[in-house]
Amino acid sequence: MARIAGVNIPTNKRVEIALRSIHGIGPVKAREICEKVNVVVLTRPGTGVDEINTEWDFPVLDIPSVDVSAKEIRLRVAKGESIEAMVSGPVEEYIFSAGLYRD
């Protein structure tokens, strides 16, 4: 399953067509996106490299899984607790400096 902007997009279609599943992206915008970006596919826990659709011809990075819950990060930040062991330094700095997850 491919997800972009929280939307499941079809993996059995060309990227330019699949992007149109996202609200607000039509043929022209989809073509612009394909011309301007480099897409890299990352593995996720429970998904092996062999399960990734290779028809799209994107580089695949088989990254180690990290047992980190986005929900737990949000809860800790909301409570003012440290998330140092859960995210990298720059990510932690950005979350706190941008005031994310405070409410």
C-alpha atoms as a PDB file:
ATOM      1  CA  MET A   1       0.000   0.000   0.000  1.00  0.00           C
ATOM      2  CA  ALA A   2       1.317   3.448  -0.870  1.00  0.00           C
ATOM      3  CA  ARG A   3       0.288   6.393   1.271  1.00  0.00           C
ATOM      4  CA  ILE A   4       0.798  10.037   0.465  1.00  0.00           C
ATOM      5  CA  ALA A   5      -0.725  12.850   2.504  1.00  0.00           C
ATOM      6  CA  GLY A   6      -2.733  10.276   4.438  1.00  0.00           C
ATOM      7  CA  VAL A   7      -4.330   8.912   1.277  1.00  0.00           C
ATOM      8  CA  ASN A   8      -3.968   5.347   0.052  1.00  0.00           C
ATOM      9  CA  ILE A   9      -3.004   5.574  -3.583  1.00  0.00           C
ATOM     10  CA  PRO A  10      -3.243   2.754  -6.109  1.00  0.00           C
ATOM     11  CA  THR A  11      -0.022   0.856  -6.655  1.00  0.00           C
ATOM     12  CA  ASN A  12      -1.238  -0.838  -9.805  1.00  0.00           C
ATOM     13  CA  LYS A  13      -1.205   2.369 -11.868  1.00  0.00           C
ATOM     14  CA  ARG A  14       1.491   4.695 -13.152  1.00  0.00           C
ATOM     15  CA  VAL A  15       2.497   7.254 -10.538  1.00  0.00           C
ATOM     16  CA  GLU A  16       1.201  10.135 -12.641  1.00  0.00           C
ATOM     17  CA  ILE A  17      -2.252   8.512 -12.641  1.00  0.00           C
ATOM     18  CA  ALA A  18      -2.147   7.295  -9.019  1.00  0.00           C
ATOM     19  CA  LEU A  19      -1.376  10.787  -7.695  1.00  0.00           C
ATOM     20  CA  ARG A  20      -4.764  11.950  -8.933  1.00  0.00           C
ATOM     21  CA  SER A  21      -6.313  10.003  -6.045  1.00  0.00           C
ATOM     22  CA  ILE A  22      -5.218  12.848  -3.776  1.00  0.00           C
ATOM     23  CA  HIS A  23      -7.787  15.638  -3.493  1.00  0.00           C
ATOM     24  CA  GLY A  24      -6.711  18.675  -5.505  1.00  0.00           C
ATOM     25  CA  ILE A  25      -4.234  16.886  -7.755  1.00  0.00           C
ATOM     26  CA  GLY A  26      -5.293  16.672 -11.367  1.00  0.00           C
ATOM     27  CA  PRO A  27      -3.427  15.670 -14.521  1.00  0.00           C
ATOM     28  CA  VAL A  28      -1.332  18.843 -14.801  1.00  0.00           C
ATOM     29  CA  LYS A  29      -0.275  18.914 -11.130  1.00  0.00           C
ATOM     30  CA  ALA A  30       0.466  15.172 -11.154  1.00  0.00           C
ATOM     31  CA  ARG A  31       2.755  15.623 -14.162  1.00  0.00           C
ATOM     32  CA  GLU A  32       4.518  18.584 -12.462  1.00  0.00           C
ATOM     33  CA  ILE A  33       5.084  16.519  -9.327  1.00  0.00           C
ATOM     34  CA  CYS A  34       6.566  13.642 -11.296  1.00  0.00           C
ATOM     35  CA  GLU A  35       8.938  16.021 -13.086  1.00  0.00           C
ATOM     36  CA  LYS A  36      10.107  17.796  -9.915  1.00  0.00           C
ATOM     37  CA  VAL A  37      10.524  15.156  -7.216  1.00  0.00           C
ATOM     38  CA  ASN A  38      12.666  12.163  -6.495  1.00  0.00           C
ATOM     39  CA  VAL A  39      10.707   9.383  -4.852  1.00  0.00           C
ATOM     40  CA  VAL A  40      12.316   6.866  -2.540  1.00  0.00           C
ATOM     41  CA  VAL A  41      10.363   3.928  -1.141  1.00  0.00           C
ATOM     42  CA  LEU A  42      11.023   2.971   2.487  1.00  0.00           C
ATOM     43  CA  THR A  43      10.146  -0.350   4.013  1.00  0.00           C
ATOM     44  CA  ARG A  44       7.895  -0.407   7.066  1.00  0.00           C
ATOM     45  CA  PRO A  45       7.644  -2.886   9.909  1.00  0.00           C
ATOM     46  CA  GLY A  46       5.798  -5.944   8.646  1.00  0.00           C
ATOM     47  CA  THR A  47       6.484  -5.170   4.984  1.00  0.00           C
ATOM     48  CA  GLY A  48       9.334  -6.878   3.202  1.00  0.00           C
ATOM     49  CA  VAL A  49      11.165  -5.584   0.170  1.00  0.00           C
ATOM     50  CA  ASP A  50       9.637  -8.427  -1.845  1.00  0.00           C
ATOM     51  CA  GLU A  51       6.152  -6.977  -1.198  1.00  0.00           C
ATOM     52  CA  ILE A  52       6.913  -3.627  -2.804  1.00  0.00           C
ATOM     53  CA  ASN A  53       5.562  -2.977  -6.299  1.00  0.00           C
ATOM     54  CA  THR A  54       8.632  -2.731  -8.534  1.00  0.00           C
ATOM     55  CA  GLU A  55       6.694  -1.487 -11.570  1.00  0.00           C
ATOM     56  CA  TRP A  56       7.144   2.086 -10.353  1.00  0.00           C
ATOM     57  CA  ASP A  57      10.917   1.746 -10.652  1.00  0.00           C
ATOM     58  CA  PHE A  58      11.818   3.789  -7.551  1.00  0.00           C
ATOM     59  CA  PRO A  59      14.822   3.122  -5.355  1.00  0.00           C
ATOM     60  CA  VAL A  60      13.882   1.074  -2.282  1.00  0.00           C
ATOM     61  CA  LEU A  61      15.628   1.509   1.064  1.00  0.00           C
ATOM     62  CA  ASP A  62      15.260  -1.401   3.436  1.00  0.00           C
ATOM     63  CA  ILE A  63      15.487   0.533   6.698  1.00  0.00           C
ATOM     64  CA  PRO A  64      15.574  -1.002  10.166  1.00  0.00           C
ATOM     65  CA  SER A  65      12.278  -0.805  11.973  1.00  0.00           C
ATOM     66  CA  VAL A  66      12.131   1.492  14.945  1.00  0.00           C
ATOM     67  CA  ASP A  67       9.628   0.802  17.682  1.00  0.00           C
ATOM     68  CA  VAL A  68       8.345   4.360  17.976  1.00  0.00           C
ATOM     69  CA  SER A  69       4.711   5.333  18.199  1.00  0.00           C
ATOM     70  CA  ALA A  70       3.667   8.699  16.774  1.00  0.00           C
ATOM     71  CA  LYS A  71       0.835   8.704  19.305  1.00  0.00           C
ATOM     72  CA  GLU A  72       3.304   8.227  22.167  1.00  0.00           C
ATOM     73  CA  ILE A  73       5.454  11.083  20.850  1.00  0.00           C
ATOM     74  CA  ARG A  74       2.423  13.393  20.692  1.00  0.00           C
ATOM     75  CA  LEU A  75       1.333  12.424  24.210  1.00  0.00           C
ATOM     76  CA  ARG A  76       4.801  12.985  25.669  1.00  0.00           C
ATOM     77  CA  VAL A  77       5.156  16.380  24.005  1.00  0.00           C
ATOM     78  CA  ALA A  78       1.710  17.432  25.217  1.00  0.00           C
ATOM     79  CA  LYS A  79       2.799  16.527  28.774  1.00  0.00           C
ATOM     80  CA  GLY A  80       6.118  18.355  28.371  1.00  0.00           C
ATOM     81  CA  GLU A  81       8.075  15.097  28.655  1.00  0.00           C
ATOM     82  CA  SER A  82      11.308  14.306  26.828  1.00  0.00           C
ATOM     83  CA  ILE A  83      11.214  12.539  23.475  1.00  0.00           C
ATOM     84  CA  GLU A  84      15.001  12.443  23.172  1.00  0.00           C
ATOM     85  CA  ALA A  85      15.173   8.644  22.957  1.00  0.00           C
ATOM     86  CA  MET A  86      12.365   8.505  20.393  1.00  0.00           C
ATOM     87  CA  VAL A  87      13.474  10.951  17.691  1.00  0.00           C
ATOM     88  CA  SER A  88      16.678  12.518  16.421  1.00  0.00           C
ATOM     89  CA  GLY A  89      17.935  15.791  17.889  1.00  0.00           C
ATOM     90  CA  PRO A  90      16.921  17.945  14.908  1.00  0.00           C
ATOM     91  CA  VAL A  91      13.420  16.410  14.874  1.00  0.00           C
ATOM     92  CA  GLU A  92      12.976  17.017  18.607  1.00  0.00           C
ATOM     93  CA  GLU A  93      14.209  20.584  18.214  1.00  0.00           C
ATOM     94  CA  TYR A  94      11.780  21.227  15.371  1.00  0.00           C
ATOM     95  CA  ILE A  95       8.810  19.744  17.229  1.00  0.00           C
ATOM     96  CA  PHE A  96       9.421  21.920  20.275  1.00  0.00           C
ATOM     97  CA  SER A  97      10.425  25.099  18.422  1.00  0.00           C
ATOM     98  CA  ALA A  98       7.360  24.883  16.148  1.00  0.00           C
ATOM     99  CA  GLY A  99       5.085  24.204  19.117  1.00  0.00           C
ATOM    100  CA  LEU A 100       3.774  20.973  17.633  1.00  0.00           C
ATOM    101  CA  TYR A 101       1.509  18.639  19.630  1.00  0.00           C
ATOM    102  CA  ARG A 102       1.022  21.121  22.473  1.00  0.00           C
ATOM    103  CA  ASP A 103      -2.757  20.946  22.605  1.00  0.00           C
END
